Amino acid sequence: MRLLVAMMLAVTMPACTSILLGDASTSERSVSSDDRSSGQVSTDNAISASIRRKIGADPAVNQYAIGISTYGSNVTLSGTVGSFTARDRAVEIASGTDGVRSVRNRIIVNTNL
């Protein structure tokens, strides 16, 4: 029985690792293809955190779950908001954040929210 459990864990653990670290992450790139330096990763994390703080403090967008992913100082915003004004405000916040090179807007507007 223990051998069977050990074999099942050995077979399923790589899949779990892939889900946790690669395929299910908010980043568009998998962990194994991340060629950023540790300094760039730190910079990207700081950019994302700064945008998160600004969005959290802005009443036009703070009620929406907006995903923020930064890679090489290029930001991708995702999620669903209730108005075009909220979408545009989130892009404006991200674009105005220090260190951001570009912003990819993948935010969906659903006026029924």
PDB file of N, CA and C in Angstrom:
ATOM      1  N   MET A   1       0.821  -1.188   0.000  1.00  0.00           N
ATOM      2  CA  MET A   1       0.000   0.000   0.000  1.00  0.00           C
ATOM      3  C   MET A   1       0.870   1.259   0.000  1.00  0.00           C
ATOM      4  N   ARG A   2       1.880   1.283   0.842  1.00  0.00           N
ATOM      5  CA  ARG A   2       2.778   2.440   0.888  1.00  0.00           C
ATOM      6  C   ARG A   2       3.488   2.635  -0.442  1.00  0.00           C
ATOM      7  N   LEU A   3       3.869   1.528  -1.052  1.00  0.00           N
ATOM      8  CA  LEU A   3       4.545   1.606  -2.344  1.00  0.00           C
ATOM      9  C   LEU A   3       3.613   2.214  -3.389  1.00  0.00           C
ATOM     10  N   LEU A   4       2.355   1.812  -3.364  1.00  0.00           N
ATOM     11  CA  LEU A   4       1.382   2.341  -4.298  1.00  0.00           C
ATOM     12  C   LEU A   4       1.193   3.849  -4.106  1.00  0.00           C
ATOM     13  N   VAL A   5       1.086   4.282  -2.861  1.00  0.00           N
ATOM     14  CA  VAL A   5       0.938   5.707  -2.561  1.00  0.00           C
ATOM     15  C   VAL A   5       2.184   6.467  -3.007  1.00  0.00           C
ATOM     16  N   ALA A   6       3.358   5.927  -2.740  1.00  0.00           N
ATOM     17  CA  ALA A   6       4.604   6.574  -3.142  1.00  0.00           C
ATOM     18  C   ALA A   6       4.693   6.694  -4.658  1.00  0.00           C
ATOM     19  N   MET A   7       4.274   5.651  -5.366  1.00  0.00           N
ATOM     20  CA  MET A   7       4.314   5.697  -6.830  1.00  0.00           C
ATOM     21  C   MET A   7       3.333   6.733  -7.363  1.00  0.00           C
ATOM     22  N   MET A   8       2.155   6.820  -6.757  1.00  0.00           N
ATOM     23  CA  MET A   8       1.167   7.806  -7.208  1.00  0.00           C
ATOM     24  C   MET A   8       1.669   9.225  -6.975  1.00  0.00           C
ATOM     25  N   LEU A   9       2.314   9.460  -5.853  1.00  0.00           N
ATOM     26  CA  LEU A   9       2.874  10.782  -5.574  1.00  0.00           C
ATOM     27  C   LEU A   9       3.972  11.128  -6.560  1.00  0.00           C
ATOM     28  N   ALA A  10       4.813  10.169  -6.851  1.00  0.00           N
ATOM     29  CA  ALA A  10       5.916  10.405  -7.783  1.00  0.00           C
ATOM     30  C   ALA A  10       5.405  10.753  -9.172  1.00  0.00           C
ATOM     31  N   VAL A  11       4.286  10.166  -9.558  1.00  0.00           N
ATOM     32  CA  VAL A  11       3.725  10.424 -10.879  1.00  0.00           C
ATOM     33  C   VAL A  11       2.983  11.758 -10.920  1.00  0.00           C
ATOM     34  N   THR A  12       2.279  12.110  -9.844  1.00  0.00           N
ATOM     35  CA  THR A  12       1.451  13.317  -9.876  1.00  0.00           C
ATOM     36  C   THR A  12       2.170  14.588  -9.444  1.00  0.00           C
ATOM     37  N   MET A  13       3.233  14.501  -8.699  1.00  0.00           N
ATOM     38  CA  MET A  13       3.912  15.700  -8.204  1.00  0.00           C
ATOM     39  C   MET A  13       4.434  16.603  -9.322  1.00  0.00           C
ATOM     40  N   PRO A  14       5.060  16.085 -10.385  1.00  0.00           N
ATOM     41  CA  PRO A  14       5.501  17.003 -11.449  1.00  0.00           C
ATOM     42  C   PRO A  14       4.347  17.791 -12.048  1.00  0.00           C
ATOM     43  N   ALA A  15       3.193  17.174 -12.185  1.00  0.00           N
ATOM     44  CA  ALA A  15       2.034  17.889 -12.724  1.00  0.00           C
ATOM     45  C   ALA A  15       1.607  19.002 -11.782  1.00  0.00           C
ATOM     46  N   CYS A  16       1.626  18.745 -10.486  1.00  0.00           N
ATOM     47  CA  CYS A  16       1.256  19.764  -9.504  1.00  0.00           C
ATOM     48  C   CYS A  16       2.232  20.919  -9.544  1.00  0.00           C
ATOM     49  N   THR A  17       3.498  20.611  -9.650  1.00  0.00           N
ATOM     50  CA  THR A  17       4.516  21.657  -9.731  1.00  0.00           C
ATOM     51  C   THR A  17       4.288  22.520 -10.957  1.00  0.00           C
ATOM     52  N   SER A  18       3.960  21.901 -12.076  1.00  0.00           N
ATOM     53  CA  SER A  18       3.690  22.654 -13.296  1.00  0.00           C
ATOM     54  C   SER A  18       2.500  23.577 -13.110  1.00  0.00           C
ATOM     55  N   ILE A  19       1.473  23.084 -12.461  1.00  0.00           N
ATOM     56  CA  ILE A  19       0.284  23.905 -12.240  1.00  0.00           C
ATOM     57  C   ILE A  19       0.604  25.059 -11.300  1.00  0.00           C
ATOM     58  N   LEU A  20       1.317  24.778 -10.219  1.00  0.00           N
ATOM     59  CA  LEU A  20       1.603  25.801  -9.227  1.00  0.00           C
ATOM     60  C   LEU A  20       2.593  26.844  -9.714  1.00  0.00           C
ATOM     61  N   LEU A  21       3.585  26.433 -10.453  1.00  0.00           N
ATOM     62  CA  LEU A  21       4.646  27.358 -10.829  1.00  0.00           C
ATOM     63  C   LEU A  21       4.577  27.853 -12.258  1.00  0.00           C
ATOM     64  N   GLY A  22       4.004  27.099 -13.146  1.00  0.00           N
ATOM     65  CA  GLY A  22       4.068  27.486 -14.543  1.00  0.00           C
ATOM     66  C   GLY A  22       2.726  27.815 -15.140  1.00  0.00           C
ATOM     67  N   ASP A  23       1.985  26.800 -15.476  1.00  0.00           N
ATOM     68  CA  ASP A  23       0.784  26.969 -16.270  1.00  0.00           C
ATOM     69  C   ASP A  23      -0.295  27.796 -15.599  1.00  0.00           C
ATOM     70  N   ALA A  24      -0.404  27.763 -14.291  1.00  0.00           N
ATOM     71  CA  ALA A  24      -1.477  28.469 -13.609  1.00  0.00           C
ATOM     72  C   ALA A  24      -1.030  29.813 -13.042  1.00  0.00           C
ATOM     73  N   SER A  25       0.190  30.217 -13.319  1.00  0.00           N
ATOM     74  CA  SER A  25       0.658  31.493 -12.777  1.00  0.00           C
ATOM     75  C   SER A  25       0.050  32.646 -13.552  1.00  0.00           C
ATOM     76  N   THR A  26       0.153  33.842 -13.007  1.00  0.00           N
ATOM     77  CA  THR A  26      -0.396  35.007 -13.684  1.00  0.00           C
ATOM     78  C   THR A  26       0.523  35.495 -14.790  1.00  0.00           C
ATOM     79  N   SER A  27       1.712  34.986 -14.827  1.00  0.00           N
ATOM     80  CA  SER A  27       2.655  35.375 -15.862  1.00  0.00           C
ATOM     81  C   SER A  27       2.310  34.688 -17.170  1.00  0.00           C
ATOM     82  N   GLU A  28       2.630  35.323 -18.279  1.00  0.00           N
ATOM     83  CA  GLU A  28       2.386  34.720 -19.568  1.00  0.00           C
ATOM     84  C   GLU A  28       3.495  33.741 -19.952  1.00  0.00           C
ATOM     85  N   ARG A  29       4.573  33.748 -19.232  1.00  0.00           N
ATOM     86  CA  ARG A  29       5.682  32.857 -19.527  1.00  0.00           C
ATOM     87  C   ARG A  29       5.794  31.820 -18.430  1.00  0.00           C
ATOM     88  N   SER A  30       6.241  30.638 -18.803  1.00  0.00           N
ATOM     89  CA  SER A  30       6.402  29.618 -17.771  1.00  0.00           C
ATOM     90  C   SER A  30       7.708  29.860 -17.028  1.00  0.00           C
ATOM     91  N   VAL A  31       7.802  29.291 -15.848  1.00  0.00           N
ATOM     92  CA  VAL A  31       8.971  29.483 -15.003  1.00  0.00           C
ATOM     93  C   VAL A  31      10.224  28.980 -15.693  1.00  0.00           C
ATOM     94  N   SER A  32      10.119  27.880 -16.412  1.00  0.00           N
ATOM     95  CA  SER A  32      11.304  27.294 -17.034  1.00  0.00           C
ATOM     96  C   SER A  32      11.876  28.170 -18.149  1.00  0.00           C
ATOM     97  N   SER A  33      11.084  29.062 -18.741  1.00  0.00           N
ATOM     98  CA  SER A  33      11.594  29.910 -19.816  1.00  0.00           C
ATOM     99  C   SER A  33      11.875  31.334 -19.352  1.00  0.00           C
ATOM    100  N   ASP A  34      11.869  31.551 -18.057  1.00  0.00           N
ATOM    101  CA  ASP A  34      12.110  32.882 -17.514  1.00  0.00           C
ATOM    102  C   ASP A  34      13.602  33.179 -17.575  1.00  0.00           C
ATOM    103  N   ASP A  35      13.976  34.052 -18.480  1.00  0.00           N
ATOM    104  CA  ASP A  35      15.386  34.359 -18.670  1.00  0.00           C
ATOM    105  C   ASP A  35      15.788  35.703 -18.061  1.00  0.00           C
ATOM    106  N   ARG A  36      14.947  36.221 -17.158  1.00  0.00           N
ATOM    107  CA  ARG A  36      15.275  37.490 -16.523  1.00  0.00           C
ATOM    108  C   ARG A  36      16.337  37.292 -15.450  1.00  0.00           C
ATOM    109  N   SER A  37      17.125  38.333 -15.235  1.00  0.00           N
ATOM    110  CA  SER A  37      18.086  38.309 -14.133  1.00  0.00           C
ATOM    111  C   SER A  37      17.318  38.481 -12.829  1.00  0.00           C
ATOM    112  N   SER A  38      17.964  38.157 -11.729  1.00  0.00           N
ATOM    113  CA  SER A  38      17.295  38.324 -10.435  1.00  0.00           C
ATOM    114  C   SER A  38      16.970  39.796 -10.192  1.00  0.00           C
ATOM    115  N   GLY A  39      17.806  40.685 -10.685  1.00  0.00           N
ATOM    116  CA  GLY A  39      17.537  42.113 -10.554  1.00  0.00           C
ATOM    117  C   GLY A  39      16.294  42.529 -11.320  1.00  0.00           C
ATOM    118  N   GLN A  40      16.122  41.968 -12.541  1.00  0.00           N
ATOM    119  CA  GLN A  40      14.940  42.298 -13.336  1.00  0.00           C
ATOM    120  C   GLN A  40      13.683  41.726 -12.693  1.00  0.00           C
ATOM    121  N   VAL A  41      13.776  40.519 -12.145  1.00  0.00           N
ATOM    122  CA  VAL A  41      12.631  39.925 -11.450  1.00  0.00           C
ATOM    123  C   VAL A  41      12.226  40.820 -10.283  1.00  0.00           C
ATOM    124  N   SER A  42      13.207  41.302  -9.535  1.00  0.00           N
ATOM    125  CA  SER A  42      12.937  42.187  -8.410  1.00  0.00           C
ATOM    126  C   SER A  42      12.280  43.486  -8.881  1.00  0.00           C
ATOM    127  N   THR A  43      12.785  44.045  -9.955  1.00  0.00           N
ATOM    128  CA  THR A  43      12.206  45.261 -10.528  1.00  0.00           C
ATOM    129  C   THR A  43      10.774  45.018 -10.981  1.00  0.00           C
ATOM    130  N   ASP A  44      10.547  43.899 -11.679  1.00  0.00           N
ATOM    131  CA  ASP A  44       9.204  43.567 -12.150  1.00  0.00           C
ATOM    132  C   ASP A  44       8.238  43.393 -10.987  1.00  0.00           C
ATOM    133  N   ASN A  45       8.689  42.725  -9.936  1.00  0.00           N
ATOM    134  CA  ASN A  45       7.835  42.539  -8.757  1.00  0.00           C
ATOM    135  C   ASN A  45       7.505  43.872  -8.094  1.00  0.00           C
ATOM    136  N   ALA A  46       8.482  44.768  -8.049  1.00  0.00           N
ATOM    137  CA  ALA A  46       8.255  46.093  -7.453  1.00  0.00           C
ATOM    138  C   ALA A  46       7.264  46.902  -8.289  1.00  0.00           C
ATOM    139  N   ILE A  47       7.364  46.807  -9.608  1.00  0.00           N
ATOM    140  CA  ILE A  47       6.422  47.508 -10.492  1.00  0.00           C
ATOM    141  C   ILE A  47       5.009  46.991 -10.257  1.00  0.00           C
ATOM    142  N   SER A  48       4.849  45.658 -10.236  1.00  0.00           N
ATOM    143  CA  SER A  48       3.524  45.072 -10.018  1.00  0.00           C
ATOM    144  C   SER A  48       2.958  45.487  -8.670  1.00  0.00           C
ATOM    145  N   ALA A  49       3.788  45.475  -7.643  1.00  0.00           N
ATOM    146  CA  ALA A  49       3.335  45.861  -6.301  1.00  0.00           C
ATOM    147  C   ALA A  49       2.912  47.326  -6.260  1.00  0.00           C
ATOM    148  N   SER A  50       3.653  48.178  -6.937  1.00  0.00           N
ATOM    149  CA  SER A  50       3.315  49.595  -6.971  1.00  0.00           C
ATOM    150  C   SER A  50       1.974  49.821  -7.662  1.00  0.00           C
ATOM    151  N   ILE A  51       1.767  49.140  -8.781  1.00  0.00           N
ATOM    152  CA  ILE A  51       0.498  49.266  -9.501  1.00  0.00           C
ATOM    153  C   ILE A  51      -0.645  48.737  -8.638  1.00  0.00           C
ATOM    154  N   ARG A  52      -0.430  47.603  -7.956  1.00  0.00           N
ATOM    155  CA  ARG A  52      -1.456  47.034  -7.074  1.00  0.00           C
ATOM    156  C   ARG A  52      -1.860  48.019  -5.983  1.00  0.00           C
ATOM    157  N   ARG A  53      -0.859  48.683  -5.385  1.00  0.00           N
ATOM    158  CA  ARG A  53      -1.153  49.678  -4.337  1.00  0.00           C
ATOM    159  C   ARG A  53      -1.975  50.833  -4.898  1.00  0.00           C
ATOM    160  N   LYS A  54      -1.583  51.331  -6.066  1.00  0.00           N
ATOM    161  CA  LYS A  54      -2.289  52.465  -6.664  1.00  0.00           C
ATOM    162  C   LYS A  54      -3.716  52.095  -7.060  1.00  0.00           C
ATOM    163  N   ILE A  55      -3.903  50.912  -7.619  1.00  0.00           N
ATOM    164  CA  ILE A  55      -5.245  50.466  -7.995  1.00  0.00           C
ATOM    165  C   ILE A  55      -6.089  50.269  -6.743  1.00  0.00           C
ATOM    166  N   GLY A  56      -5.492  49.723  -5.692  1.00  0.00           N
ATOM    167  CA  GLY A  56      -6.216  49.516  -4.434  1.00  0.00           C
ATOM    168  C   GLY A  56      -6.656  50.808  -3.778  1.00  0.00           C
ATOM    169  N   ALA A  57      -5.953  51.896  -4.050  1.00  0.00           N
ATOM    170  CA  ALA A  57      -6.278  53.187  -3.450  1.00  0.00           C
ATOM    171  C   ALA A  57      -7.199  54.036  -4.328  1.00  0.00           C
ATOM    172  N   ASP A  58      -7.479  53.584  -5.533  1.00  0.00           N
ATOM    173  CA  ASP A  58      -8.281  54.372  -6.460  1.00  0.00           C
ATOM    174  C   ASP A  58      -9.735  53.894  -6.458  1.00  0.00           C
ATOM    175  N   PRO A  59     -10.678  54.751  -6.049  1.00  0.00           N
ATOM    176  CA  PRO A  59     -12.074  54.328  -5.947  1.00  0.00           C
ATOM    177  C   PRO A  59     -12.719  53.952  -7.287  1.00  0.00           C
ATOM    178  N   ALA A  60     -12.152  54.376  -8.383  1.00  0.00           N
ATOM    179  CA  ALA A  60     -12.735  54.039  -9.688  1.00  0.00           C
ATOM    180  C   ALA A  60     -12.471  52.584 -10.074  1.00  0.00           C
ATOM    181  N   VAL A  61     -11.437  51.979  -9.481  1.00  0.00           N
ATOM    182  CA  VAL A  61     -11.062  50.619  -9.898  1.00  0.00           C
ATOM    183  C   VAL A  61     -10.851  49.636  -8.754  1.00  0.00           C
ATOM    184  N   ASN A  62     -10.830  50.101  -7.524  1.00  0.00           N
ATOM    185  CA  ASN A  62     -10.444  49.207  -6.427  1.00  0.00           C
ATOM    186  C   ASN A  62     -11.456  48.106  -6.130  1.00  0.00           C
ATOM    187  N   GLN A  63     -12.678  48.201  -6.642  1.00  0.00           N
ATOM    188  CA  GLN A  63     -13.653  47.144  -6.387  1.00  0.00           C
ATOM    189  C   GLN A  63     -13.546  45.987  -7.376  1.00  0.00           C
ATOM    190  N   TYR A  64     -12.678  46.104  -8.365  1.00  0.00           N
ATOM    191  CA  TYR A  64     -12.525  45.064  -9.379  1.00  0.00           C
ATOM    192  C   TYR A  64     -11.253  44.246  -9.151  1.00  0.00           C
ATOM    193  N   ALA A  65     -11.315  42.988  -9.527  1.00  0.00           N
ATOM    194  CA  ALA A  65     -10.137  42.106  -9.445  1.00  0.00           C
ATOM    195  C   ALA A  65      -9.362  42.247 -10.746  1.00  0.00           C
ATOM    196  N   ILE A  66      -8.324  43.046 -10.696  1.00  0.00           N
ATOM    197  CA  ILE A  66      -7.504  43.300 -11.885  1.00  0.00           C
ATOM    198  C   ILE A  66      -6.182  42.568 -11.711  1.00  0.00           C
ATOM    199  N   GLY A  67      -5.887  41.681 -12.650  1.00  0.00           N
ATOM    200  CA  GLY A  67      -4.627  40.952 -12.623  1.00  0.00           C
ATOM    201  C   GLY A  67      -3.514  41.823 -13.176  1.00  0.00           C
ATOM    202  N   ILE A  68      -2.355  41.743 -12.554  1.00  0.00           N
ATOM    203  CA  ILE A  68      -1.202  42.547 -12.967  1.00  0.00           C
ATOM    204  C   ILE A  68      -0.015  41.610 -13.121  1.00  0.00           C
ATOM    205  N   SER A  69       0.536  41.572 -14.306  1.00  0.00           N
ATOM    206  CA  SER A  69       1.695  40.740 -14.574  1.00  0.00           C
ATOM    207  C   SER A  69       2.762  41.619 -15.219  1.00  0.00           C
ATOM    208  N   THR A  70       3.982  41.536 -14.710  1.00  0.00           N
ATOM    209  CA  THR A  70       5.068  42.354 -15.256  1.00  0.00           C
ATOM    210  C   THR A  70       6.215  41.453 -15.666  1.00  0.00           C
ATOM    211  N   TYR A  71       6.695  41.654 -16.875  1.00  0.00           N
ATOM    212  CA  TYR A  71       7.834  40.894 -17.397  1.00  0.00           C
ATOM    213  C   TYR A  71       8.700  41.863 -18.199  1.00  0.00           C
ATOM    214  N   GLY A  72       9.913  42.061 -17.751  1.00  0.00           N
ATOM    215  CA  GLY A  72      10.811  42.979 -18.454  1.00  0.00           C
ATOM    216  C   GLY A  72      10.299  44.403 -18.463  1.00  0.00           C
ATOM    217  N   SER A  73       9.660  44.813 -17.382  1.00  0.00           N
ATOM    218  CA  SER A  73       9.067  46.149 -17.215  1.00  0.00           C
ATOM    219  C   SER A  73       7.872  46.396 -18.121  1.00  0.00           C
ATOM    220  N   ASN A  74       7.384  45.358 -18.795  1.00  0.00           N
ATOM    221  CA  ASN A  74       6.183  45.429 -19.622  1.00  0.00           C
ATOM    222  C   ASN A  74       5.041  44.815 -18.825  1.00  0.00           C
ATOM    223  N   VAL A  75       3.974  45.571 -18.650  1.00  0.00           N
ATOM    224  CA  VAL A  75       2.868  45.182 -17.777  1.00  0.00           C
ATOM    225  C   VAL A  75       1.700  44.675 -18.604  1.00  0.00           C
ATOM    226  N   THR A  76       1.071  43.605 -18.120  1.00  0.00           N
ATOM    227  CA  THR A  76      -0.174  43.110 -18.698  1.00  0.00           C
ATOM    228  C   THR A  76      -1.246  43.197 -17.632  1.00  0.00           C
ATOM    229  N   LEU A  77      -2.343  43.857 -17.967  1.00  0.00           N
ATOM    230  CA  LEU A  77      -3.490  43.963 -17.073  1.00  0.00           C
ATOM    231  C   LEU A  77      -4.578  43.030 -17.589  1.00  0.00           C
ATOM    232  N   SER A  78      -5.252  42.335 -16.680  1.00  0.00           N
ATOM    233  CA  SER A  78      -6.321  41.427 -17.073  1.00  0.00           C
ATOM    234  C   SER A  78      -7.432  41.480 -16.030  1.00  0.00           C
ATOM    235  N   GLY A  79      -8.557  40.901 -16.381  1.00  0.00           N
ATOM    236  CA  GLY A  79      -9.697  40.875 -15.475  1.00  0.00           C
ATOM    237  C   GLY A  79     -10.920  41.472 -16.137  1.00  0.00           C
ATOM    238  N   THR A  80     -11.933  41.687 -15.342  1.00  0.00           N
ATOM    239  CA  THR A  80     -13.186  42.246 -15.845  1.00  0.00           C
ATOM    240  C   THR A  80     -13.600  43.413 -14.955  1.00  0.00           C
ATOM    241  N   VAL A  81     -13.975  44.498 -15.588  1.00  0.00           N
ATOM    242  CA  VAL A  81     -14.444  45.685 -14.868  1.00  0.00           C
ATOM    243  C   VAL A  81     -15.828  46.062 -15.383  1.00  0.00           C
ATOM    244  N   GLY A  82     -16.508  46.954 -14.662  1.00  0.00           N
ATOM    245  CA  GLY A  82     -17.880  47.304 -14.986  1.00  0.00           C
ATOM    246  C   GLY A  82     -18.072  48.488 -15.910  1.00  0.00           C
ATOM    247  N   SER A  83     -16.981  49.161 -16.294  1.00  0.00           N
ATOM    248  CA  SER A  83     -17.136  50.321 -17.175  1.00  0.00           C
ATOM    249  C   SER A  83     -15.852  50.572 -17.962  1.00  0.00           C
ATOM    250  N   PHE A  84     -16.027  51.285 -19.063  1.00  0.00           N
ATOM    251  CA  PHE A  84     -14.864  51.667 -19.858  1.00  0.00           C
ATOM    252  C   PHE A  84     -14.002  52.664 -19.091  1.00  0.00           C
ATOM    253  N   THR A  85     -14.645  53.481 -18.259  1.00  0.00           N
ATOM    254  CA  THR A  85     -13.909  54.433 -17.442  1.00  0.00           C
ATOM    255  C   THR A  85     -12.974  53.718 -16.484  1.00  0.00           C
ATOM    256  N   ALA A  86     -13.450  52.655 -15.851  1.00  0.00           N
ATOM    257  CA  ALA A  86     -12.618  51.877 -14.924  1.00  0.00           C
ATOM    258  C   ALA A  86     -11.459  51.220 -15.677  1.00  0.00           C
ATOM    259  N   ARG A  87     -11.754  50.657 -16.846  1.00  0.00           N
ATOM    260  CA  ARG A  87     -10.692  50.038 -17.651  1.00  0.00           C
ATOM    261  C   ARG A  87      -9.625  51.063 -18.008  1.00  0.00           C
ATOM    262  N   ASP A  88     -10.048  52.198 -18.487  1.00  0.00           N
ATOM    263  CA  ASP A  88      -9.103  53.239 -18.890  1.00  0.00           C
ATOM    264  C   ASP A  88      -8.310  53.764 -17.694  1.00  0.00           C
ATOM    265  N   ARG A  89      -8.940  53.848 -16.549  1.00  0.00           N
ATOM    266  CA  ARG A  89      -8.247  54.318 -15.341  1.00  0.00           C
ATOM    267  C   ARG A  89      -7.171  53.332 -14.918  1.00  0.00           C
ATOM    268  N   ALA A  90      -7.453  52.041 -14.993  1.00  0.00           N
ATOM    269  CA  ALA A  90      -6.451  51.027 -14.645  1.00  0.00           C
ATOM    270  C   ALA A  90      -5.250  51.125 -15.582  1.00  0.00           C
ATOM    271  N   VAL A  91      -5.498  51.316 -16.858  1.00  0.00           N
ATOM    272  CA  VAL A  91      -4.402  51.468 -17.830  1.00  0.00           C
ATOM    273  C   VAL A  91      -3.617  52.738 -17.543  1.00  0.00           C
ATOM    274  N   GLU A  92      -4.321  53.813 -17.212  1.00  0.00           N
ATOM    275  CA  GLU A  92      -3.672  55.081 -16.882  1.00  0.00           C
ATOM    276  C   GLU A  92      -2.767  54.933 -15.658  1.00  0.00           C
ATOM    277  N   ILE A  93      -3.259  54.244 -14.631  1.00  0.00           N
ATOM    278  CA  ILE A  93      -2.458  54.029 -13.423  1.00  0.00           C
ATOM    279  C   ILE A  93      -1.207  53.240 -13.756  1.00  0.00           C
ATOM    280  N   ALA A  94      -1.376  52.146 -14.485  1.00  0.00           N
ATOM    281  CA  ALA A  94      -0.213  51.318 -14.834  1.00  0.00           C
ATOM    282  C   ALA A  94       0.779  52.088 -15.699  1.00  0.00           C
ATOM    283  N   SER A  95       0.286  52.809 -16.679  1.00  0.00           N
ATOM    284  CA  SER A  95       1.167  53.569 -17.582  1.00  0.00           C
ATOM    285  C   SER A  95       1.938  54.652 -16.856  1.00  0.00           C
ATOM    286  N   GLY A  96       1.335  55.223 -15.820  1.00  0.00           N
ATOM    287  CA  GLY A  96       1.973  56.298 -15.080  1.00  0.00           C
ATOM    288  C   GLY A  96       2.890  55.833 -13.960  1.00  0.00           C
ATOM    289  N   THR A  97       3.066  54.541 -13.828  1.00  0.00           N
ATOM    290  CA  THR A  97       3.912  54.001 -12.770  1.00  0.00           C
ATOM    291  C   THR A  97       5.368  54.001 -13.205  1.00  0.00           C
ATOM    292  N   ASP A  98       6.246  54.445 -12.310  1.00  0.00           N
ATOM    293  CA  ASP A  98       7.672  54.498 -12.620  1.00  0.00           C
ATOM    294  C   ASP A  98       8.199  53.132 -13.042  1.00  0.00           C
ATOM    295  N   GLY A  99       8.994  53.132 -14.099  1.00  0.00           N
ATOM    296  CA  GLY A  99       9.655  51.926 -14.563  1.00  0.00           C
ATOM    297  C   GLY A  99       8.891  51.137 -15.607  1.00  0.00           C
ATOM    298  N   VAL A 100       7.638  51.495 -15.887  1.00  0.00           N
ATOM    299  CA  VAL A 100       6.826  50.759 -16.850  1.00  0.00           C
ATOM    300  C   VAL A 100       7.188  51.177 -18.265  1.00  0.00           C
ATOM    301  N   ARG A 101       7.529  50.194 -19.097  1.00  0.00           N
ATOM    302  CA  ARG A 101       7.836  50.457 -20.514  1.00  0.00           C
ATOM    303  C   ARG A 101       6.586  50.481 -21.367  1.00  0.00           C
ATOM    304  N   SER A 102       5.716  49.493 -21.146  1.00  0.00           N
ATOM    305  CA  SER A 102       4.487  49.407 -21.936  1.00  0.00           C
ATOM    306  C   SER A 102       3.413  48.720 -21.108  1.00  0.00           C
ATOM    307  N   VAL A 103       2.157  48.901 -21.548  1.00  0.00           N
ATOM    308  CA  VAL A 103       1.029  48.270 -20.875  1.00  0.00           C
ATOM    309  C   VAL A 103       0.187  47.563 -21.929  1.00  0.00           C
ATOM    310  N   ARG A 104      -0.024  46.277 -21.714  1.00  0.00           N
ATOM    311  CA  ARG A 104      -0.924  45.489 -22.567  1.00  0.00           C
ATOM    312  C   ARG A 104      -2.250  45.403 -21.818  1.00  0.00           C
ATOM    313  N   ASN A 105      -3.299  45.886 -22.452  1.00  0.00           N
ATOM    314  CA  ASN A 105      -4.616  45.933 -21.824  1.00  0.00           C
ATOM    315  C   ASN A 105      -5.430  44.718 -22.254  1.00  0.00           C
ATOM    316  N   ARG A 106      -5.636  43.796 -21.338  1.00  0.00           N
ATOM    317  CA  ARG A 106      -6.492  42.634 -21.578  1.00  0.00           C
ATOM    318  C   ARG A 106      -7.699  42.656 -20.645  1.00  0.00           C
ATOM    319  N   ILE A 107      -8.078  43.831 -20.215  1.00  0.00           N
ATOM    320  CA  ILE A 107      -9.223  43.987 -19.323  1.00  0.00           C
ATOM    321  C   ILE A 107     -10.502  43.960 -20.155  1.00  0.00           C
ATOM    322  N   ILE A 108     -11.460  43.164 -19.699  1.00  0.00           N
ATOM    323  CA  ILE A 108     -12.758  43.053 -20.357  1.00  0.00           C
ATOM    324  C   ILE A 108     -13.750  43.956 -19.627  1.00  0.00           C
ATOM    325  N   VAL A 109     -14.576  44.647 -20.397  1.00  0.00           N
ATOM    326  CA  VAL A 109     -15.611  45.503 -19.810  1.00  0.00           C
ATOM    327  C   VAL A 109     -16.941  44.762 -19.865  1.00  0.00           C
ATOM    328  N   ASN A 110     -17.571  44.604 -18.715  1.00  0.00           N
ATOM    329  CA  ASN A 110     -18.893  44.006 -18.605  1.00  0.00           C
ATOM    330  C   ASN A 110     -19.759  45.000 -17.842  1.00  0.00           C
ATOM    331  N   THR A 111     -20.591  45.724 -18.559  1.00  0.00           N
ATOM    332  CA  THR A 111     -21.403  46.774 -17.946  1.00  0.00           C
ATOM    333  C   THR A 111     -22.535  46.206 -17.088  1.00  0.00           C
ATOM    334  N   ASN A 112     -22.692  44.900 -17.042  1.00  0.00           N
ATOM    335  CA  ASN A 112     -23.710  44.268 -16.214  1.00  0.00           C
ATOM    336  C   ASN A 112     -23.213  43.965 -14.800  1.00  0.00           C
ATOM    337  N   LEU A 113     -21.990  44.347 -14.481  1.00  0.00           N
ATOM    338  CA  LEU A 113     -21.466  44.086 -13.144  1.00  0.00           C
ATOM    339  C   LEU A 113     -22.045  45.044 -12.138  1.00  0.00           C
TER     340      LEU A 113
END
